[in-house]
């Protein structure tokens, strides 16, 4: 008895079968999107160690685009710090009573 000759697959579809979904296509013209809103900044001055300033300057020097701005480096560092401290998410009693944040220098 002769074995039937096996047919070599032509492409991936021959191996796994046809796709069970329709591929998504990109629209010819993407929908217009609004530019991101600029963040609001408060003036803030405090003291930092010379080592921290050196590290900020190094990140700014080696960074690209918006990451080079010291204000973005400083805010990213604060956001990372606050993410690991649950109390940063707890409103203070003054906030709950007045319904707003008071910075004391308004």
PDB file of N, CA and C in Angstrom:
ATOM      1  N   UNK A   1       0.814  -1.176   0.000  1.00  0.00           N
ATOM      2  CA  UNK A   1       0.000   0.000   0.000  1.00  0.00           C
ATOM      3  C   UNK A   1       0.864   1.248   0.000  1.00  0.00           C
ATOM      4  N   UNK A   2       0.440   2.185  -0.767  1.00  0.00           N
ATOM      5  CA  UNK A   2       1.160   3.435  -0.868  1.00  0.00           C
ATOM      6  C   UNK A   2       0.519   4.477   0.042  1.00  0.00           C
ATOM      7  N   UNK A   3       1.375   5.222   0.769  1.00  0.00           N
ATOM      8  CA  UNK A   3       0.886   6.296   1.620  1.00  0.00           C
ATOM      9  C   UNK A   3       0.510   7.496   0.763  1.00  0.00           C
ATOM     10  N   UNK A   4      -0.572   8.194   1.148  1.00  0.00           N
ATOM     11  CA  UNK A   4      -0.887   9.400   0.384  1.00  0.00           C
ATOM     12  C   UNK A   4       0.194  10.451   0.619  1.00  0.00           C
ATOM     13  N   UNK A   5       0.557  11.150  -0.404  1.00  0.00           N
ATOM     14  CA  UNK A   5       1.603  12.171  -0.299  1.00  0.00           C
ATOM     15  C   UNK A   5       1.085  13.328   0.557  1.00  0.00           C
ATOM     16  N   UNK A   6       1.907  13.739   1.547  1.00  0.00           N
ATOM     17  CA  UNK A   6       1.493  14.858   2.387  1.00  0.00           C
ATOM     18  C   UNK A   6       1.801  16.157   1.660  1.00  0.00           C
ATOM     19  N   UNK A   7       0.886  17.046   1.786  1.00  0.00           N
ATOM     20  CA  UNK A   7       1.018  18.326   1.108  1.00  0.00           C
ATOM     21  C   UNK A   7       1.751  19.303   2.022  1.00  0.00           C
ATOM     22  N   UNK A   8       2.798  19.947   1.557  1.00  0.00           N
ATOM     23  CA  UNK A   8       3.558  20.915   2.353  1.00  0.00           C
ATOM     24  C   UNK A   8       2.717  22.184   2.518  1.00  0.00           C
ATOM     25  N   UNK A   9       2.730  22.778   3.734  1.00  0.00           N
ATOM     26  CA  UNK A   9       1.952  24.001   3.943  1.00  0.00           C
ATOM     27  C   UNK A   9       2.505  25.155   3.111  1.00  0.00           C
ATOM     28  N   UNK A  10       1.582  25.953   2.585  1.00  0.00           N
ATOM     29  CA  UNK A  10       1.985  27.110   1.782  1.00  0.00           C
ATOM     30  C   UNK A  10       2.284  28.323   2.664  1.00  0.00           C
ATOM     31  N   UNK A  11       1.491  28.466   3.724  1.00  0.00           N
ATOM     32  CA  UNK A  11       1.682  29.599   4.613  1.00  0.00           C
ATOM     33  C   UNK A  11       1.169  29.230   6.005  1.00  0.00           C
ATOM     34  N   UNK A  12       1.177  30.183   6.912  1.00  0.00           N
ATOM     35  CA  UNK A  12       0.764  29.945   8.287  1.00  0.00           C
ATOM     36  C   UNK A  12      -0.692  29.514   8.393  1.00  0.00           C
ATOM     37  N   UNK A  13      -1.547  30.002   7.504  1.00  0.00           N
ATOM     38  CA  UNK A  13      -2.960  29.642   7.534  1.00  0.00           C
ATOM     39  C   UNK A  13      -3.125  28.142   7.301  1.00  0.00           C
ATOM     40  N   UNK A  14      -2.302  27.560   6.460  1.00  0.00           N
ATOM     41  CA  UNK A  14      -2.375  26.117   6.238  1.00  0.00           C
ATOM     42  C   UNK A  14      -2.044  25.344   7.509  1.00  0.00           C
ATOM     43  N   UNK A  15      -1.200  25.926   8.372  1.00  0.00           N
ATOM     44  CA  UNK A  15      -0.805  25.231   9.598  1.00  0.00           C
ATOM     45  C   UNK A  15      -1.833  25.393  10.715  1.00  0.00           C
ATOM     46  N   UNK A  16      -2.356  26.593  10.895  1.00  0.00           N
ATOM     47  CA  UNK A  16      -3.234  26.834  12.042  1.00  0.00           C
ATOM     48  C   UNK A  16      -4.685  27.082  11.670  1.00  0.00           C
ATOM     49  N   UNK A  17      -4.987  27.205  10.399  1.00  0.00           N
ATOM     50  CA  UNK A  17      -6.360  27.452   9.971  1.00  0.00           C
ATOM     51  C   UNK A  17      -6.630  28.940   9.836  1.00  0.00           C
ATOM     52  N   UNK A  18      -7.794  29.274   9.287  1.00  0.00           N
ATOM     53  CA  UNK A  18      -8.102  30.689   9.088  1.00  0.00           C
ATOM     54  C   UNK A  18      -8.370  31.395  10.416  1.00  0.00           C
ATOM     55  N   UNK A  19      -8.161  32.687  10.416  1.00  0.00           N
ATOM     56  CA  UNK A  19      -8.392  33.495  11.615  1.00  0.00           C
ATOM     57  C   UNK A  19      -9.885  33.550  11.914  1.00  0.00           C
ATOM     58  N   UNK A  20     -10.224  33.548  13.208  1.00  0.00           N
ATOM     59  CA  UNK A  20     -11.623  33.587  13.611  1.00  0.00           C
ATOM     60  C   UNK A  20     -12.098  35.012  13.837  1.00  0.00           C
ATOM     61  N   UNK A  21     -11.354  35.980  13.409  1.00  0.00           N
ATOM     62  CA  UNK A  21     -11.709  37.382  13.588  1.00  0.00           C
ATOM     63  C   UNK A  21     -11.335  38.151  12.339  1.00  0.00           C
ATOM     64  N   UNK A  22     -11.908  39.297  12.205  1.00  0.00           N
ATOM     65  CA  UNK A  22     -11.571  40.180  11.098  1.00  0.00           C
ATOM     66  C   UNK A  22     -10.447  41.105  11.538  1.00  0.00           C
ATOM     67  N   UNK A  23      -9.425  41.256  10.759  1.00  0.00           N
ATOM     68  CA  UNK A  23      -8.357  42.171  11.156  1.00  0.00           C
ATOM     69  C   UNK A  23      -8.882  43.608  11.205  1.00  0.00           C
ATOM     70  N   UNK A  24      -8.372  44.366  12.163  1.00  0.00           N
ATOM     71  CA  UNK A  24      -8.786  45.753  12.302  1.00  0.00           C
ATOM     72  C   UNK A  24      -7.982  46.606  11.331  1.00  0.00           C
ATOM     73  N   UNK A  25      -8.672  47.541  10.722  1.00  0.00           N
ATOM     74  CA  UNK A  25      -7.988  48.440   9.800  1.00  0.00           C
ATOM     75  C   UNK A  25      -7.965  49.835  10.391  1.00  0.00           C
ATOM     76  N   UNK A  26      -6.964  50.579  10.059  1.00  0.00           N
ATOM     77  CA  UNK A  26      -6.830  51.954  10.517  1.00  0.00           C
ATOM     78  C   UNK A  26      -7.660  52.854   9.606  1.00  0.00           C
ATOM     79  N   UNK A  27      -8.363  53.837  10.167  1.00  0.00           N
ATOM     80  CA  UNK A  27      -9.083  54.771   9.301  1.00  0.00           C
ATOM     81  C   UNK A  27      -8.096  55.584   8.471  1.00  0.00           C
ATOM     82  N   UNK A  28      -8.542  56.007   7.302  1.00  0.00           N
ATOM     83  CA  UNK A  28      -7.662  56.771   6.418  1.00  0.00           C
ATOM     84  C   UNK A  28      -7.188  58.050   7.091  1.00  0.00           C
ATOM     85  N   UNK A  29      -8.097  58.710   7.840  1.00  0.00           N
ATOM     86  CA  UNK A  29      -7.741  59.921   8.558  1.00  0.00           C
ATOM     87  C   UNK A  29      -8.062  59.710  10.021  1.00  0.00           C
ATOM     88  N   UNK A  30      -7.051  59.708  10.896  1.00  0.00           N
ATOM     89  CA  UNK A  30      -7.329  59.491  12.313  1.00  0.00           C
ATOM     90  C   UNK A  30      -8.197  60.615  12.870  1.00  0.00           C
ATOM     91  N   UNK A  31      -9.006  60.279  13.855  1.00  0.00           N
ATOM     92  CA  UNK A  31      -9.873  61.270  14.483  1.00  0.00           C
ATOM     93  C   UNK A  31      -9.025  62.353  15.130  1.00  0.00           C
ATOM     94  N   UNK A  32      -9.475  63.571  14.993  1.00  0.00           N
ATOM     95  CA  UNK A  32      -8.745  64.692  15.595  1.00  0.00           C
ATOM     96  C   UNK A  32      -8.823  64.584  17.107  1.00  0.00           C
ATOM     97  N   UNK A  33      -7.713  64.754  17.745  1.00  0.00           N
ATOM     98  CA  UNK A  33      -7.694  64.696  19.199  1.00  0.00           C
ATOM     99  C   UNK A  33      -7.256  66.050  19.741  1.00  0.00           C
ATOM    100  N   UNK A  34      -7.775  66.370  20.903  1.00  0.00           N
ATOM    101  CA  UNK A  34      -7.415  67.622  21.531  1.00  0.00           C
ATOM    102  C   UNK A  34      -6.016  67.514  22.119  1.00  0.00           C
ATOM    103  N   UNK A  35      -5.253  68.583  22.055  1.00  0.00           N
ATOM    104  CA  UNK A  35      -3.926  68.530  22.678  1.00  0.00           C
ATOM    105  C   UNK A  35      -4.091  68.372  24.188  1.00  0.00           C
ATOM    106  N   UNK A  36      -3.167  67.673  24.840  1.00  0.00           N
ATOM    107  CA  UNK A  36      -3.292  67.489  26.283  1.00  0.00           C
ATOM    108  C   UNK A  36      -3.236  68.828  27.007  1.00  0.00           C
ATOM    109  N   UNK A  37      -4.040  68.926  28.051  1.00  0.00           N
ATOM    110  CA  UNK A  37      -4.068  70.166  28.831  1.00  0.00           C
ATOM    111  C   UNK A  37      -2.745  70.323  29.581  1.00  0.00           C
ATOM    112  N   UNK A  38      -2.271  71.552  29.631  1.00  0.00           N
ATOM    113  CA  UNK A  38      -1.028  71.806  30.359  1.00  0.00           C
ATOM    114  C   UNK A  38      -1.307  71.708  31.851  1.00  0.00           C
ATOM    115  N   UNK A  39      -0.415  71.062  32.596  1.00  0.00           N
ATOM    116  CA  UNK A  39      -0.634  70.979  34.043  1.00  0.00           C
ATOM    117  C   UNK A  39      -0.476  72.337  34.694  1.00  0.00           C
ATOM    118  N   UNK A  40      -1.178  72.524  35.776  1.00  0.00           N
ATOM    119  CA  UNK A  40      -1.071  73.766  36.533  1.00  0.00           C
ATOM    120  C   UNK A  40       0.018  73.568  37.584  1.00  0.00           C
ATOM    121  N   UNK A  41       0.918  74.512  37.684  1.00  0.00           N
ATOM    122  CA  UNK A  41       2.015  74.421  38.631  1.00  0.00           C
ATOM    123  C   UNK A  41       1.888  75.491  39.702  1.00  0.00           C
ATOM    124  N   UNK A  42       2.293  75.161  40.901  1.00  0.00           N
ATOM    125  CA  UNK A  42       2.395  76.111  42.005  1.00  0.00           C
ATOM    126  C   UNK A  42       3.866  76.421  42.215  1.00  0.00           C
ATOM    127  N   UNK A  43       4.166  77.649  42.570  1.00  0.00           N
ATOM    128  CA  UNK A  43       5.555  77.974  42.899  1.00  0.00           C
ATOM    129  C   UNK A  43       5.885  77.315  44.224  1.00  0.00           C
ATOM    130  N   UNK A  44       7.020  76.675  44.265  1.00  0.00           N
ATOM    131  CA  UNK A  44       7.426  75.944  45.449  1.00  0.00           C
ATOM    132  C   UNK A  44       8.927  76.036  45.563  1.00  0.00           C
ATOM    133  N   UNK A  45       9.385  76.453  46.707  1.00  0.00           N
ATOM    134  CA  UNK A  45      10.829  76.465  46.939  1.00  0.00           C
ATOM    135  C   UNK A  45      11.096  75.757  48.254  1.00  0.00           C
ATOM    136  N   UNK A  46      12.130  75.008  48.264  1.00  0.00           N
ATOM    137  CA  UNK A  46      12.575  74.310  49.456  1.00  0.00           C
ATOM    138  C   UNK A  46      14.035  73.971  49.247  1.00  0.00           C
ATOM    139  N   UNK A  47      14.597  73.346  50.198  1.00  0.00           N
ATOM    140  CA  UNK A  47      16.011  73.001  50.100  1.00  0.00           C
ATOM    141  C   UNK A  47      16.143  71.525  49.782  1.00  0.00           C
ATOM    142  N   UNK A  48      17.112  71.190  48.940  1.00  0.00           N
ATOM    143  CA  UNK A  48      17.439  69.796  48.663  1.00  0.00           C
ATOM    144  C   UNK A  48      18.939  69.625  48.876  1.00  0.00           C
ATOM    145  N   UNK A  49      19.330  68.389  49.056  1.00  0.00           N
ATOM    146  CA  UNK A  49      20.753  68.125  49.276  1.00  0.00           C
ATOM    147  C   UNK A  49      21.524  68.306  47.966  1.00  0.00           C
ATOM    148  N   UNK A  50      22.802  68.611  48.073  1.00  0.00           N
ATOM    149  CA  UNK A  50      23.611  68.737  46.854  1.00  0.00           C
ATOM    150  C   UNK A  50      23.610  67.445  46.028  1.00  0.00           C
ATOM    151  N   UNK A  51      23.557  66.301  46.701  1.00  0.00           N
ATOM    152  CA  UNK A  51      23.547  65.022  45.985  1.00  0.00           C
ATOM    153  C   UNK A  51      22.265  64.871  45.166  1.00  0.00           C
ATOM    154  N   UNK A  52      21.116  65.250  45.760  1.00  0.00           N
ATOM    155  CA  UNK A  52      19.862  65.159  45.020  1.00  0.00           C
ATOM    156  C   UNK A  52      19.857  66.110  43.833  1.00  0.00           C
ATOM    157  N   UNK A  53      20.402  67.294  44.001  1.00  0.00           N
ATOM    158  CA  UNK A  53      20.468  68.243  42.890  1.00  0.00           C
ATOM    159  C   UNK A  53      21.358  67.707  41.780  1.00  0.00           C
ATOM    160  N   UNK A  54      22.481  67.092  42.164  1.00  0.00           N
ATOM    161  CA  UNK A  54      23.376  66.506  41.173  1.00  0.00           C
ATOM    162  C   UNK A  54      22.654  65.403  40.392  1.00  0.00           C
ATOM    163  N   UNK A  55      21.901  64.563  41.099  1.00  0.00           N
ATOM    164  CA  UNK A  55      21.165  63.479  40.431  1.00  0.00           C
ATOM    165  C   UNK A  55      20.102  64.050  39.489  1.00  0.00           C
ATOM    166  N   UNK A  56      19.410  65.108  39.920  1.00  0.00           N
ATOM    167  CA  UNK A  56      18.420  65.738  39.045  1.00  0.00           C
ATOM    168  C   UNK A  56      19.088  66.308  37.793  1.00  0.00           C
ATOM    169  N   UNK A  57      20.223  66.950  37.971  1.00  0.00           N
ATOM    170  CA  UNK A  57      20.940  67.521  36.828  1.00  0.00           C
ATOM    171  C   UNK A  57      21.410  66.431  35.871  1.00  0.00           C
ATOM    172  N   UNK A  58      21.846  65.312  36.417  1.00  0.00           N
ATOM    173  CA  UNK A  58      22.290  64.201  35.559  1.00  0.00           C
ATOM    174  C   UNK A  58      21.127  63.632  34.753  1.00  0.00           C
ATOM    175  N   UNK A  59      19.971  63.450  35.416  1.00  0.00           N
ATOM    176  CA  UNK A  59      18.798  62.936  34.701  1.00  0.00           C
ATOM    177  C   UNK A  59      18.385  63.927  33.608  1.00  0.00           C
ATOM    178  N   UNK A  60      18.415  65.214  33.925  1.00  0.00           N
ATOM    179  CA  UNK A  60      18.065  66.235  32.938  1.00  0.00           C
ATOM    180  C   UNK A  60      19.049  66.216  31.763  1.00  0.00           C
ATOM    181  N   UNK A  61      20.320  66.043  32.052  1.00  0.00           N
ATOM    182  CA  UNK A  61      21.334  66.041  30.993  1.00  0.00           C
ATOM    183  C   UNK A  61      21.151  64.855  30.053  1.00  0.00           C
ATOM    184  N   UNK A  62      20.935  63.673  30.625  1.00  0.00           N
ATOM    185  CA  UNK A  62      20.853  62.459  29.819  1.00  0.00           C
ATOM    186  C   UNK A  62      19.441  62.186  29.296  1.00  0.00           C
ATOM    187  N   UNK A  63      18.452  62.883  29.806  1.00  0.00           N
ATOM    188  CA  UNK A  63      17.071  62.647  29.396  1.00  0.00           C
ATOM    189  C   UNK A  63      16.779  63.197  28.007  1.00  0.00           C
ATOM    190  N   UNK A  64      15.583  62.910  27.540  1.00  0.00           N
ATOM    191  CA  UNK A  64      15.147  63.355  26.214  1.00  0.00           C
ATOM    192  C   UNK A  64      13.794  64.038  26.333  1.00  0.00           C
ATOM    193  N   UNK A  65      13.566  65.052  25.540  1.00  0.00           N
ATOM    194  CA  UNK A  65      12.273  65.719  25.476  1.00  0.00           C
ATOM    195  C   UNK A  65      11.855  66.318  26.805  1.00  0.00           C
ATOM    196  N   UNK A  66      10.594  66.055  27.172  1.00  0.00           N
ATOM    197  CA  UNK A  66      10.027  66.619  28.396  1.00  0.00           C
ATOM    198  C   UNK A  66      10.731  66.099  29.651  1.00  0.00           C
ATOM    199  N   UNK A  67      11.350  64.930  29.570  1.00  0.00           N
ATOM    200  CA  UNK A  67      12.036  64.353  30.732  1.00  0.00           C
ATOM    201  C   UNK A  67      13.251  65.175  31.142  1.00  0.00           C
ATOM    202  N   UNK A  68      13.703  66.070  30.275  1.00  0.00           N
ATOM    203  CA  UNK A  68      14.877  66.887  30.592  1.00  0.00           C
ATOM    204  C   UNK A  68      14.550  68.056  31.504  1.00  0.00           C
ATOM    205  N   UNK A  69      13.272  68.409  31.626  1.00  0.00           N
ATOM    206  CA  UNK A  69      12.903  69.568  32.432  1.00  0.00           C
ATOM    207  C   UNK A  69      12.926  69.197  33.914  1.00  0.00           C
ATOM    208  N   UNK A  70      13.610  70.021  34.704  1.00  0.00           N
ATOM    209  CA  UNK A  70      13.728  69.739  36.135  1.00  0.00           C
ATOM    210  C   UNK A  70      12.368  69.663  36.817  1.00  0.00           C
ATOM    211  N   UNK A  71      11.409  70.485  36.389  1.00  0.00           N
ATOM    212  CA  UNK A  71      10.087  70.452  37.011  1.00  0.00           C
ATOM    213  C   UNK A  71       9.433  69.086  36.793  1.00  0.00           C
ATOM    214  N   UNK A  72       9.619  68.481  35.626  1.00  0.00           N
ATOM    215  CA  UNK A  72       9.044  67.157  35.361  1.00  0.00           C
ATOM    216  C   UNK A  72       9.751  66.071  36.161  1.00  0.00           C
ATOM    217  N   UNK A  73      11.059  66.199  36.311  1.00  0.00           N
ATOM    218  CA  UNK A  73      11.819  65.228  37.108  1.00  0.00           C
ATOM    219  C   UNK A  73      11.362  65.302  38.558  1.00  0.00           C
ATOM    220  N   UNK A  74      11.256  66.520  39.067  1.00  0.00           N
ATOM    221  CA  UNK A  74      10.853  66.721  40.460  1.00  0.00           C
ATOM    222  C   UNK A  74       9.439  66.185  40.695  1.00  0.00           C
ATOM    223  N   UNK A  75       8.492  66.486  39.800  1.00  0.00           N
ATOM    224  CA  UNK A  75       7.120  66.018  39.958  1.00  0.00           C
ATOM    225  C   UNK A  75       7.014  64.504  39.805  1.00  0.00           C
ATOM    226  N   UNK A  76       7.796  63.902  38.924  1.00  0.00           N
ATOM    227  CA  UNK A  76       7.787  62.445  38.776  1.00  0.00           C
ATOM    228  C   UNK A  76       8.316  61.777  40.044  1.00  0.00           C
ATOM    229  N   UNK A  77       9.351  62.362  40.643  1.00  0.00           N
ATOM    230  CA  UNK A  77       9.906  61.811  41.880  1.00  0.00           C
ATOM    231  C   UNK A  77       8.883  61.907  43.013  1.00  0.00           C
ATOM    232  N   UNK A  78       8.193  63.042  43.106  1.00  0.00           N
ATOM    233  CA  UNK A  78       7.168  63.194  44.142  1.00  0.00           C
ATOM    234  C   UNK A  78       6.012  62.217  43.918  1.00  0.00           C
ATOM    235  N   UNK A  79       5.579  62.056  42.671  1.00  0.00           N
ATOM    236  CA  UNK A  79       4.484  61.124  42.378  1.00  0.00           C
ATOM    237  C   UNK A  79       4.870  59.697  42.772  1.00  0.00           C
ATOM    238  N   UNK A  80       6.106  59.293  42.495  1.00  0.00           N
ATOM    239  CA  UNK A  80       6.568  57.954  42.879  1.00  0.00           C
ATOM    240  C   UNK A  80       6.612  57.820  44.397  1.00  0.00           C
ATOM    241  N   UNK A  81       7.037  58.853  45.077  1.00  0.00           N
ATOM    242  CA  UNK A  81       7.089  58.832  46.537  1.00  0.00           C
ATOM    243  C   UNK A  81       5.674  58.720  47.110  1.00  0.00           C
ATOM    244  N   UNK A  82       4.759  59.551  46.610  1.00  0.00           N
ATOM    245  CA  UNK A  82       3.392  59.539  47.130  1.00  0.00           C
ATOM    246  C   UNK A  82       2.667  58.230  46.824  1.00  0.00           C
ATOM    247  N   UNK A  83       3.027  57.572  45.731  1.00  0.00           N
ATOM    248  CA  UNK A  83       2.395  56.301  45.372  1.00  0.00           C
ATOM    249  C   UNK A  83       2.669  55.226  46.420  1.00  0.00           C
ATOM    250  N   UNK A  84       3.777  55.347  47.138  1.00  0.00           N
ATOM    251  CA  UNK A  84       4.111  54.341  48.155  1.00  0.00           C
ATOM    252  C   UNK A  84       3.695  54.766  49.562  1.00  0.00           C
ATOM    253  N   UNK A  85       3.002  55.882  49.681  1.00  0.00           N
ATOM    254  CA  UNK A  85       2.533  56.369  50.979  1.00  0.00           C
ATOM    255  C   UNK A  85       1.017  56.571  50.949  1.00  0.00           C
ATOM    256  N   UNK A  86       0.246  55.626  51.501  1.00  0.00           N
ATOM    257  CA  UNK A  86      -1.214  55.713  51.449  1.00  0.00           C
ATOM    258  C   UNK A  86      -1.768  56.989  52.073  1.00  0.00           C
ATOM    259  N   UNK A  87      -1.088  57.560  53.061  1.00  0.00           N
ATOM    260  CA  UNK A  87      -1.591  58.781  53.688  1.00  0.00           C
ATOM    261  C   UNK A  87      -1.659  59.954  52.710  1.00  0.00           C
ATOM    262  N   UNK A  88      -0.921  59.886  51.631  1.00  0.00           N
ATOM    263  CA  UNK A  88      -0.974  60.954  50.637  1.00  0.00           C
ATOM    264  C   UNK A  88      -2.353  61.031  49.983  1.00  0.00           C
ATOM    265  N   UNK A  89      -3.111  59.932  50.043  1.00  0.00           N
ATOM    266  CA  UNK A  89      -4.442  59.892  49.438  1.00  0.00           C
ATOM    267  C   UNK A  89      -5.553  60.243  50.424  1.00  0.00           C
ATOM    268  N   UNK A  90      -5.225  60.305  51.704  1.00  0.00           N
ATOM    269  CA  UNK A  90      -6.235  60.603  52.734  1.00  0.00           C
ATOM    270  C   UNK A  90      -6.433  62.109  52.856  1.00  0.00           C
ATOM    271  N   UNK A  91      -7.675  62.571  52.718  1.00  0.00           N
ATOM    272  CA  UNK A  91      -7.906  64.012  52.873  1.00  0.00           C
ATOM    273  C   UNK A  91      -7.631  64.456  54.309  1.00  0.00           C
ATOM    274  N   UNK A  92      -7.149  65.671  54.446  1.00  0.00           N
ATOM    275  CA  UNK A  92      -6.938  66.268  55.762  1.00  0.00           C
ATOM    276  C   UNK A  92      -8.273  66.832  56.241  1.00  0.00           C
ATOM    277  N   UNK A  93      -8.454  67.012  57.552  1.00  0.00           N
ATOM    278  CA  UNK A  93      -9.729  67.531  58.058  1.00  0.00           C
ATOM    279  C   UNK A  93     -10.132  68.865  57.428  1.00  0.00           C
ATOM    280  N   UNK A  94      -9.172  69.754  57.176  1.00  0.00           N
ATOM    281  CA  UNK A  94      -9.491  71.043  56.557  1.00  0.00           C
ATOM    282  C   UNK A  94     -10.096  70.864  55.169  1.00  0.00           C
ATOM    283  N   UNK A  95      -9.585  69.887  54.412  1.00  0.00           N
ATOM    284  CA  UNK A  95     -10.097  69.638  53.066  1.00  0.00           C
ATOM    285  C   UNK A  95     -11.534  69.152  53.119  1.00  0.00           C
ATOM    286  N   UNK A  96     -11.850  68.286  54.076  1.00  0.00           N
ATOM    287  CA  UNK A  96     -13.191  67.721  54.167  1.00  0.00           C
ATOM    288  C   UNK A  96     -14.209  68.786  54.564  1.00  0.00           C
ATOM    289  N   UNK A  97     -13.837  69.702  55.435  1.00  0.00           N
ATOM    290  CA  UNK A  97     -14.763  70.735  55.884  1.00  0.00           C
ATOM    291  C   UNK A  97     -15.009  71.776  54.798  1.00  0.00           C
ATOM    292  N   UNK A  98     -13.956  72.237  54.162  1.00  0.00           N
ATOM    293  CA  UNK A  98     -14.077  73.308  53.183  1.00  0.00           C
ATOM    294  C   UNK A  98     -14.359  72.789  51.782  1.00  0.00           C
ATOM    295  N   UNK A  99     -14.056  71.512  51.537  1.00  0.00           N
ATOM    296  CA  UNK A  99     -14.248  70.958  50.200  1.00  0.00           C
ATOM    297  C   UNK A  99     -13.204  71.412  49.204  1.00  0.00           C
ATOM    298  N   UNK A 100     -12.120  71.953  49.679  1.00  0.00           N
ATOM    299  CA  UNK A 100     -11.036  72.373  48.791  1.00  0.00           C
ATOM    300  C   UNK A 100      -9.707  72.190  49.504  1.00  0.00           C
ATOM    301  N   UNK A 101      -8.676  72.274  48.724  1.00  0.00           N
ATOM    302  CA  UNK A 101      -7.330  72.159  49.284  1.00  0.00           C
ATOM    303  C   UNK A 101      -6.840  73.556  49.628  1.00  0.00           C
ATOM    304  N   UNK A 102      -6.328  73.712  50.811  1.00  0.00           N
ATOM    305  CA  UNK A 102      -5.769  74.996  51.225  1.00  0.00           C
ATOM    306  C   UNK A 102      -4.277  74.811  51.427  1.00  0.00           C
ATOM    307  N   UNK A 103      -3.499  75.592  50.727  1.00  0.00           N
ATOM    308  CA  UNK A 103      -2.042  75.479  50.835  1.00  0.00           C
ATOM    309  C   UNK A 103      -1.469  76.446  51.853  1.00  0.00           C
ATOM    310  N   UNK A 104      -2.295  77.298  52.414  1.00  0.00           N
ATOM    311  CA  UNK A 104      -1.814  78.207  53.428  1.00  0.00           C
ATOM    312  C   UNK A 104      -1.134  79.455  52.898  1.00  0.00           C
ATOM    313  N   UNK A 105      -0.936  79.555  51.581  1.00  0.00           N
ATOM    314  CA  UNK A 105      -0.320  80.763  51.036  1.00  0.00           C
ATOM    315  C   UNK A 105      -1.138  81.311  49.880  1.00  0.00           C
ATOM    316  N   UNK A 106      -2.427  81.056  49.908  1.00  0.00           N
ATOM    317  CA  UNK A 106      -3.316  81.576  48.858  1.00  0.00           C
ATOM    318  C   UNK A 106      -3.536  83.061  49.012  1.00  0.00           C
TER     319      UNK A 106
END
